[in-house]
Amino acid sequence: MKAKAAVFREIGVDMKIEEVDIDEPQANEVLITTAACGVCHSDVHFAKGSILGPVPTVPGHEPAGVVEAIGSEVKSVAVGDHVIACTSMFCGLCKQCLQGRPYLCMDRRQCQRKRDDTPRISIDGKRITQFADLSAFCEKMLVHETAVVKIDNDIPLDSAALVGCAVTTGVGAALNTAKVQPGSSVAVFGVGGIGISIIQGARIAGARQIIAIDVVPGKLETAMKFGATHTILGGPDSPDGDPVKAIKKLSRGGVDYAFDAVGMPQLVQQCLYALAPRGLAVVVGAIPTGQKLEVDPGHFYLEKSIMGCFMGSNRFHIDALNYFDFYKQGRLDLDSMVTDRFGLGDINEAFALLDGGEINRAVITF
């Protein structure tokens, strides 16, 4: 079947809207009519070459939509269901899956088509790589069943889409990866879609103090609305000065948890240096390929730690539904996170505005 999609072919060249062919679902696959897809910095990093991968491809990995067809062995969803999808699909049989860490699945190939199979997406018979095994900047998605979660029909799909990446990653970073404790202090470097989600996760966890740091004053105002208790303006000309010193002053010696929600070695350094003894720094943002991290090792004598975070250490089929419970209870604000909406034809503009820091979370609506 035919569908329009944003096809990425070359670094530095705008994507074009092209007609692609979507195959019929195989036994464990779900065909979805896409309703909305958030624009994530990971998509932008890929388009700029900071994250490498095969081309041509259709980006997009934060989607929501409606099930159009299912394969013969699909049990978890039915035609007509509202769903969100996430790149954290899993085989269910590898060591990581069996230890309860499906987001670190070691055999994603079981969720992909074999090389000699008909590709899920193609143009004139030529394979189009499926970005993050989703390719959601397309009118239709064909994905493995484990990538999909059914949601209630009364949840707006443009807001629900954010749970596919930003919310799962950010809220999960606080609740699952760091396990933020009630009464603790938290610093969040970078308050875009991921950072706002971390702030909300820390608030849900019961953090006493949540300090937001960003170089854009407007984003700090937004952060306060989502639960930040204090803000620090970063940048060389900031009246707040060195953010590490400012954090230590606000927190009376250092925070218990610090999160890099951008993906910059300098920010990871600042996360570590802003910690109290035995504090935890969590790298949530995607640091571009090839960059290195250097830190003063003296901080480790205070038993500080740095750890990575992949997709909020999620168990997607459990966590996503929990997050929607928080949403319905008024404890997690998804609607206000969506600051801009674009049509598929405006995707290059959405990428440029997000890369320039001019918008928070944009959603492509179909």
Protein backbone atom coordinates (compact mmCIF):
# COMPACT_ATOMS: atom_id res chain seq x y z
CA MET A 1 0.00 0.00 0.00
CA LYS A 2 1.09 3.56 -0.64
CA ALA A 3 1.82 6.22 2.00
CA LYS A 4 3.53 9.58 2.13
CA ALA A 5 6.67 9.81 4.23
CA ALA A 6 9.57 12.15 5.00
CA VAL A 7 12.60 10.40 3.47
CA PHE A 8 16.10 11.24 4.66
CA ARG A 9 18.79 10.51 2.11
CA GLU A 10 21.82 12.71 2.81
CA ILE A 11 23.33 14.69 5.69
CA GLY A 12 22.79 18.42 5.23
CA VAL A 13 20.04 17.95 2.64
CA ASP A 14 16.41 18.62 3.52
CA MET A 15 14.09 15.66 3.65
CA LYS A 16 11.54 15.33 0.88
CA ILE A 17 8.02 14.01 1.15
CA GLU A 18 7.94 10.92 -1.02
CA GLU A 19 5.49 8.12 -1.71
CA VAL A 20 6.61 4.85 -0.16
CA ASP A 21 5.29 1.31 -0.25
CA ILE A 22 4.25 -0.30 3.03
CA ASP A 23 4.03 -4.10 3.06
CA GLU A 24 1.22 -6.15 4.60
CA PRO A 25 1.78 -7.26 8.23
CA GLN A 26 3.44 -10.61 8.84
CA ALA A 27 2.46 -12.85 11.76
CA ASN A 28 3.83 -10.70 14.63
CA GLU A 29 3.41 -7.28 13.02
CA VAL A 30 0.97 -4.41 13.42
CA LEU A 31 -0.01 -1.90 10.73
CA ILE A 32 -0.84 1.52 12.17
CA THR A 33 -2.36 4.64 10.66
CA THR A 34 -0.14 7.34 12.12
CA ALA A 35 -1.95 10.20 13.88
CA ALA A 36 0.98 12.10 15.39
CA CYS A 37 4.72 11.84 15.95
CA GLY A 38 6.86 13.99 18.21
CA VAL A 39 10.04 15.56 16.87
CA CYS A 40 12.96 14.45 19.06
CA HIS A 41 16.52 15.74 19.20
CA SER A 42 17.69 12.23 18.28
CA ASP A 43 16.00 12.70 14.88
CA VAL A 44 17.80 16.03 14.50
CA HIS A 45 21.15 14.54 15.58
CA PHE A 46 20.70 11.83 12.94
CA ALA A 47 19.90 14.39 10.24
CA LYS A 48 23.06 16.33 11.14
CA GLY A 49 25.26 13.23 11.20
CA SER A 50 25.92 13.32 14.96
CA ILE A 51 24.24 9.93 15.25
CA LEU A 52 25.18 7.60 12.42
CA GLY A 53 22.97 5.11 10.63
CA PRO A 54 22.09 3.70 7.21
CA VAL A 55 20.27 5.72 4.56
CA PRO A 56 17.85 6.19 2.92
CA THR A 57 15.54 6.08 5.91
CA VAL A 58 12.31 7.50 7.25
CA PRO A 59 13.01 9.02 10.70
CA GLY A 60 10.54 9.44 13.56
CA HIS A 61 10.28 7.36 16.71
CA GLU A 62 7.73 9.02 19.04
CA PRO A 63 4.37 8.05 17.47
CA ALA A 64 0.73 7.46 18.21
CA GLY A 65 -1.97 6.17 15.91
CA VAL A 66 -4.78 3.70 15.25
CA VAL A 67 -4.35 0.00 14.40
CA GLU A 68 -5.36 -0.69 10.80
CA ALA A 69 -4.39 -4.37 10.49
CA ILE A 70 -2.65 -7.09 12.49
CA GLY A 71 -0.74 -10.26 11.78
CA SER A 72 -2.12 -13.73 12.51
CA GLU A 73 -0.27 -14.14 15.83
CA VAL A 74 -0.83 -10.68 17.30
CA LYS A 75 -2.72 -10.87 20.59
CA SER A 76 -2.12 -7.57 22.43
CA VAL A 77 -3.96 -5.18 20.07
CA ALA A 78 -6.89 -5.31 17.66
CA VAL A 79 -8.00 -3.33 14.63
CA GLY A 80 -9.31 0.07 15.71
CA ASP A 81 -7.28 0.26 18.92
CA HIS A 82 -5.50 3.51 19.76
CA VAL A 83 -1.82 2.82 20.35
CA ILE A 84 1.56 4.38 20.96
CA ALA A 85 4.83 2.84 19.83
CA CYS A 86 8.36 2.87 21.20
CA THR A 87 11.74 1.76 19.87
CA SER A 88 12.22 -0.44 22.97
CA MET A 89 10.97 -3.63 21.35
CA PHE A 90 12.33 -6.89 22.70
CA CYS A 91 12.81 -10.58 21.93
CA GLY A 92 11.75 -11.78 25.41
CA LEU A 93 14.31 -14.60 25.43
CA CYS A 94 17.77 -13.07 25.75
CA LYS A 95 19.60 -12.64 29.08
CA GLN A 96 18.66 -8.97 29.46
CA CYS A 97 14.99 -9.61 28.72
CA LEU A 98 14.84 -12.52 31.16
CA GLN A 99 16.48 -10.39 33.85
CA GLY A 100 13.72 -7.80 33.51
CA ARG A 101 15.59 -5.31 31.30
CA PRO A 102 13.79 -5.56 27.93
CA TYR A 103 14.96 -2.05 26.97
CA LEU A 104 18.48 -3.55 26.76
CA CYS A 105 17.38 -6.50 24.60
CA MET A 106 20.39 -8.18 23.01
CA ASP A 107 18.54 -9.73 20.07
CA ARG A 108 16.39 -7.05 18.41
CA ARG A 109 16.88 -8.94 15.17
CA GLN A 110 14.01 -11.17 16.27
CA CYS A 111 11.76 -8.10 15.95
CA GLN A 112 13.02 -7.25 12.49
CA ARG A 113 12.43 -8.81 9.10
CA LYS A 114 15.09 -11.06 7.68
CA ARG A 115 17.34 -9.59 5.03
CA ASP A 116 15.81 -11.71 2.26
CA ASP A 117 12.21 -10.86 3.28
CA THR A 118 10.17 -8.20 1.55
CA PRO A 119 11.11 -4.95 3.32
CA ARG A 120 8.51 -3.26 5.50
CA ILE A 121 9.14 0.04 3.67
CA SER A 122 10.36 0.42 0.12
CA ILE A 123 10.37 2.70 -2.92
CA ASP A 124 10.23 1.05 -6.34
CA GLY A 125 11.20 -2.23 -4.72
CA LYS A 126 14.29 -0.79 -2.99
CA ARG A 127 14.54 -1.14 0.77
CA ILE A 128 14.11 1.93 2.94
CA THR A 129 15.78 1.49 6.34
CA GLN A 130 13.31 1.60 9.20
CA PHE A 131 14.66 4.21 11.63
CA ALA A 132 14.57 2.88 15.23
CA ASP A 133 12.48 0.02 13.76
CA LEU A 134 9.55 2.47 13.59
CA SER A 135 9.92 5.16 10.87
CA ALA A 136 7.05 7.23 12.19
CA PHE A 137 7.27 10.29 9.95
CA CYS A 138 5.02 8.40 7.61
CA GLU A 139 1.26 8.13 7.17
CA LYS A 140 1.47 4.42 8.08
CA MET A 141 3.77 2.35 10.27
CA LEU A 142 4.45 -1.36 10.10
CA VAL A 143 6.08 -2.52 13.34
CA HIS A 144 6.65 -5.55 15.55
CA GLU A 145 3.95 -6.22 18.13
CA THR A 146 6.32 -5.68 21.09
CA ALA A 147 6.82 -2.06 20.01
CA VAL A 148 3.13 -1.24 20.50
CA VAL A 149 0.98 -0.53 23.56
CA LYS A 150 -2.79 -0.06 23.54
CA ILE A 151 -4.04 3.13 25.22
CA ASP A 152 -7.48 4.43 26.17
CA ASN A 153 -9.40 6.12 23.34
CA ASP A 154 -10.06 9.28 25.37
CA ILE A 155 -6.36 10.23 25.49
CA PRO A 156 -5.47 12.80 22.78
CA LEU A 157 -3.12 11.10 20.35
CA ASP A 158 -0.90 14.15 19.82
CA SER A 159 -0.21 14.28 23.56
CA ALA A 160 -0.01 10.50 23.90
CA ALA A 161 2.75 10.36 21.27
CA LEU A 162 5.23 11.95 23.68
CA VAL A 163 5.13 8.85 25.87
CA GLY A 164 6.81 6.95 23.03
CA CYS A 165 10.15 8.65 23.75
CA ALA A 166 10.45 11.93 25.68
CA VAL A 167 8.24 11.00 28.62
CA THR A 168 9.34 7.37 28.79
CA THR A 169 12.97 8.50 28.70
CA GLY A 170 12.72 11.48 31.06
CA VAL A 171 10.21 10.29 33.63
CA GLY A 172 11.86 6.87 33.52
CA ALA A 173 15.31 8.41 34.08
CA ALA A 174 14.05 9.80 37.38
CA LEU A 175 11.85 6.89 38.51
CA ASN A 176 13.61 3.84 37.05
CA THR A 177 17.25 4.71 36.33
CA ALA A 178 18.12 7.07 39.19
CA LYS A 179 15.31 5.98 41.51
CA VAL A 180 14.98 9.50 42.90
CA GLN A 181 14.10 9.35 46.58
CA PRO A 182 11.44 11.42 48.39
CA GLY A 183 12.92 14.52 50.00
CA SER A 184 16.00 14.53 47.77
CA SER A 185 17.51 17.34 45.68
CA VAL A 186 17.77 17.20 41.89
CA ALA A 187 19.44 19.27 39.15
CA VAL A 188 18.38 18.98 35.51
CA PHE A 189 20.67 20.41 32.82
CA GLY A 190 18.62 21.22 29.71
CA VAL A 191 14.86 21.60 29.91
CA GLY A 192 13.53 20.66 26.51
CA GLY A 193 11.15 17.72 26.13
CA ILE A 194 13.44 15.26 27.94
CA GLY A 195 14.39 17.70 30.69
CA ILE A 196 10.78 18.67 31.36
CA SER A 197 9.96 14.98 31.63
CA ILE A 198 12.80 14.42 34.12
CA ILE A 199 11.50 17.35 36.18
CA GLN A 200 8.02 15.83 36.21
CA GLY A 201 9.44 12.43 37.14
CA ALA A 202 11.41 13.93 40.02
CA ARG A 203 8.30 15.76 41.20
CA ILE A 204 6.23 12.55 41.06
CA ALA A 205 9.02 10.80 43.02
CA GLY A 206 8.71 13.40 45.79
CA ALA A 207 11.95 15.36 45.32
CA ARG A 208 12.19 18.29 47.75
CA GLN A 209 14.22 20.52 45.44
CA ILE A 210 14.37 20.48 41.62
CA ILE A 211 16.83 22.91 40.01
CA ALA A 212 16.46 23.54 36.26
CA ILE A 213 19.44 24.84 34.26
CA ASP A 214 19.23 26.10 30.68
CA VAL A 215 20.64 28.86 28.45
CA VAL A 216 17.18 29.95 27.22
CA PRO A 217 15.29 32.10 29.76
CA GLY A 218 11.89 31.14 28.37
CA LYS A 219 12.59 27.46 28.95
CA LEU A 220 13.33 28.15 32.60
CA GLU A 221 9.93 29.83 32.97
CA THR A 222 8.37 26.72 31.46
CA ALA A 223 10.34 24.48 33.80
CA MET A 224 8.79 26.19 36.83
CA LYS A 225 5.33 25.36 35.52
CA PHE A 226 6.21 21.67 35.36
CA GLY A 227 7.64 21.40 38.86
CA ALA A 228 11.07 23.02 39.09
CA THR A 229 11.56 24.79 42.40
CA HIS A 230 14.59 26.85 41.32
CA THR A 231 16.18 27.90 38.02
CA ILE A 232 19.67 28.84 36.90
CA LEU A 233 20.44 30.59 33.62
CA GLY A 234 23.51 29.07 31.99
CA GLY A 235 25.88 30.57 29.44
CA PRO A 236 29.02 32.73 29.62
CA ASP A 237 27.14 35.99 30.24
CA SER A 238 24.69 34.63 32.78
CA PRO A 239 24.04 36.77 35.86
CA ASP A 240 23.78 33.49 37.81
CA GLY A 241 27.47 32.77 37.19
CA ASP A 242 29.03 29.30 37.31
CA PRO A 243 26.08 26.85 37.41
CA VAL A 244 27.98 24.37 39.60
CA LYS A 245 28.61 27.01 42.26
CA ALA A 246 25.02 28.22 41.95
CA ILE A 247 23.67 24.68 42.40
CA LYS A 248 25.86 24.06 45.44
CA LYS A 249 24.70 27.31 46.99
CA LEU A 250 21.02 26.53 46.40
CA SER A 251 21.33 22.95 47.62
CA ARG A 252 23.59 23.71 50.59
CA GLY A 253 26.52 21.66 49.35
CA GLY A 254 25.39 19.73 46.30
CA VAL A 255 22.43 17.81 44.92
CA ASP A 256 21.67 14.13 45.34
CA TYR A 257 20.94 13.61 41.62
CA ALA A 258 21.97 15.51 38.50
CA PHE A 259 20.80 14.78 34.96
CA ASP A 260 22.29 15.77 31.60
CA ALA A 261 19.22 15.97 29.38
CA VAL A 262 21.10 17.41 26.38
CA GLY A 263 24.04 15.12 25.64
CA MET A 264 27.14 17.29 26.10
CA PRO A 265 30.40 16.24 27.81
CA GLN A 266 30.64 19.65 29.50
CA LEU A 267 27.22 19.18 31.06
CA VAL A 268 28.12 15.69 32.30
CA GLN A 269 31.15 17.25 34.00
CA GLN A 270 28.93 19.87 35.63
CA CYS A 271 26.49 17.17 36.74
CA LEU A 272 29.29 15.30 38.52
CA TYR A 273 30.81 18.41 40.07
CA ALA A 274 27.42 19.67 41.34
CA LEU A 275 26.73 16.50 43.33
CA ALA A 276 26.86 16.04 47.06
CA PRO A 277 29.01 13.13 48.30
CA ARG A 278 27.52 9.78 47.16
CA GLY A 279 25.44 11.66 44.58
CA LEU A 280 24.48 10.22 41.20
CA ALA A 281 24.94 11.87 37.78
CA VAL A 282 22.81 10.40 34.99
CA VAL A 283 23.62 10.87 31.29
CA VAL A 284 20.24 10.92 29.54
CA GLY A 285 20.96 13.00 26.43
CA ALA A 286 22.62 11.39 23.40
CA ILE A 287 26.26 12.50 23.25
CA PRO A 288 27.31 12.72 19.57
CA THR A 289 29.53 9.97 18.23
CA GLY A 290 33.26 10.63 18.69
CA GLN A 291 33.07 13.03 21.62
CA LYS A 292 34.97 12.17 24.79
CA LEU A 293 34.27 12.78 28.46
CA GLU A 294 37.02 13.96 30.82
CA VAL A 295 36.38 14.53 34.51
CA ASP A 296 38.43 15.30 37.61
CA PRO A 297 38.88 11.87 39.27
CA GLY A 298 39.04 13.45 42.73
CA HIS A 299 35.24 13.54 42.78
CA PHE A 300 35.10 9.75 42.86
CA TYR A 301 36.80 9.76 46.26
CA LEU A 302 33.54 11.27 47.53
CA GLU A 303 31.81 8.15 46.18
CA LYS A 304 30.03 10.04 43.44
CA SER A 305 28.79 8.02 40.44
CA ILE A 306 28.07 8.55 36.75
CA MET A 307 25.71 6.20 34.95
CA GLY A 308 24.08 6.05 31.57
CA CYS A 309 20.39 5.89 30.83
CA PHE A 310 18.81 4.28 27.79
CA MET A 311 15.17 5.13 27.16
CA GLY A 312 14.45 5.64 30.84
CA SER A 313 15.28 2.02 31.73
CA ASN A 314 11.74 1.29 30.63
CA ARG A 315 9.49 -1.73 30.70
CA PHE A 316 7.36 -0.05 28.09
CA HIS A 317 4.25 -2.20 28.33
CA ILE A 318 4.10 -1.50 32.08
CA ASP A 319 5.55 1.99 32.40
CA ALA A 320 3.58 3.62 29.58
CA LEU A 321 0.29 2.64 31.16
CA ASN A 322 1.51 3.91 34.54
CA TYR A 323 2.38 7.25 32.95
CA PHE A 324 -1.09 7.54 31.46
CA ASP A 325 -2.52 6.87 34.92
CA PHE A 326 -0.41 9.79 36.19
CA TYR A 327 -1.75 11.85 33.29
CA LYS A 328 -5.37 11.11 34.12
CA GLN A 329 -4.71 11.88 37.79
CA GLY A 330 -3.29 15.29 36.89
CA ARG A 331 0.17 14.34 38.12
CA LEU A 332 1.82 14.22 34.67
CA ASP A 333 1.15 17.06 32.23
CA LEU A 334 1.44 15.85 28.64
CA ASP A 335 -0.80 18.42 26.95
CA SER A 336 1.28 21.46 27.92
CA MET A 337 4.48 19.81 26.73
CA VAL A 338 3.31 20.09 23.11
CA THR A 339 4.27 23.64 22.17
CA ASP A 340 4.04 23.43 18.38
CA ARG A 341 2.23 21.35 15.76
CA PHE A 342 3.31 20.94 12.13
CA GLY A 343 2.10 19.06 9.10
CA LEU A 344 4.35 16.45 7.50
CA GLY A 345 5.30 18.91 4.76
CA ASP A 346 6.76 21.29 7.37
CA ILE A 347 9.07 18.73 8.92
CA ASN A 348 12.31 20.47 7.89
CA GLU A 349 11.11 23.68 9.54
CA ALA A 350 10.29 21.74 12.72
CA PHE A 351 13.80 20.23 12.73
CA ALA A 352 15.41 23.66 12.28
CA LEU A 353 13.37 25.29 15.06
CA LEU A 354 14.09 22.45 17.49
CA ASP A 355 17.81 22.50 16.66
CA GLY A 356 17.87 26.27 17.24
CA GLY A 357 16.28 25.93 20.67
CA GLU A 358 13.25 27.95 19.63
CA ILE A 359 10.63 25.33 20.50
CA ASN A 360 10.17 22.72 23.24
CA ARG A 361 8.32 19.69 21.86
CA ALA A 362 6.89 19.82 18.36
CA VAL A 363 4.51 17.21 17.04
CA ILE A 364 3.93 16.28 13.41
CA THR A 365 0.21 15.64 12.99
CA PHE A 366 -1.31 13.64 10.13
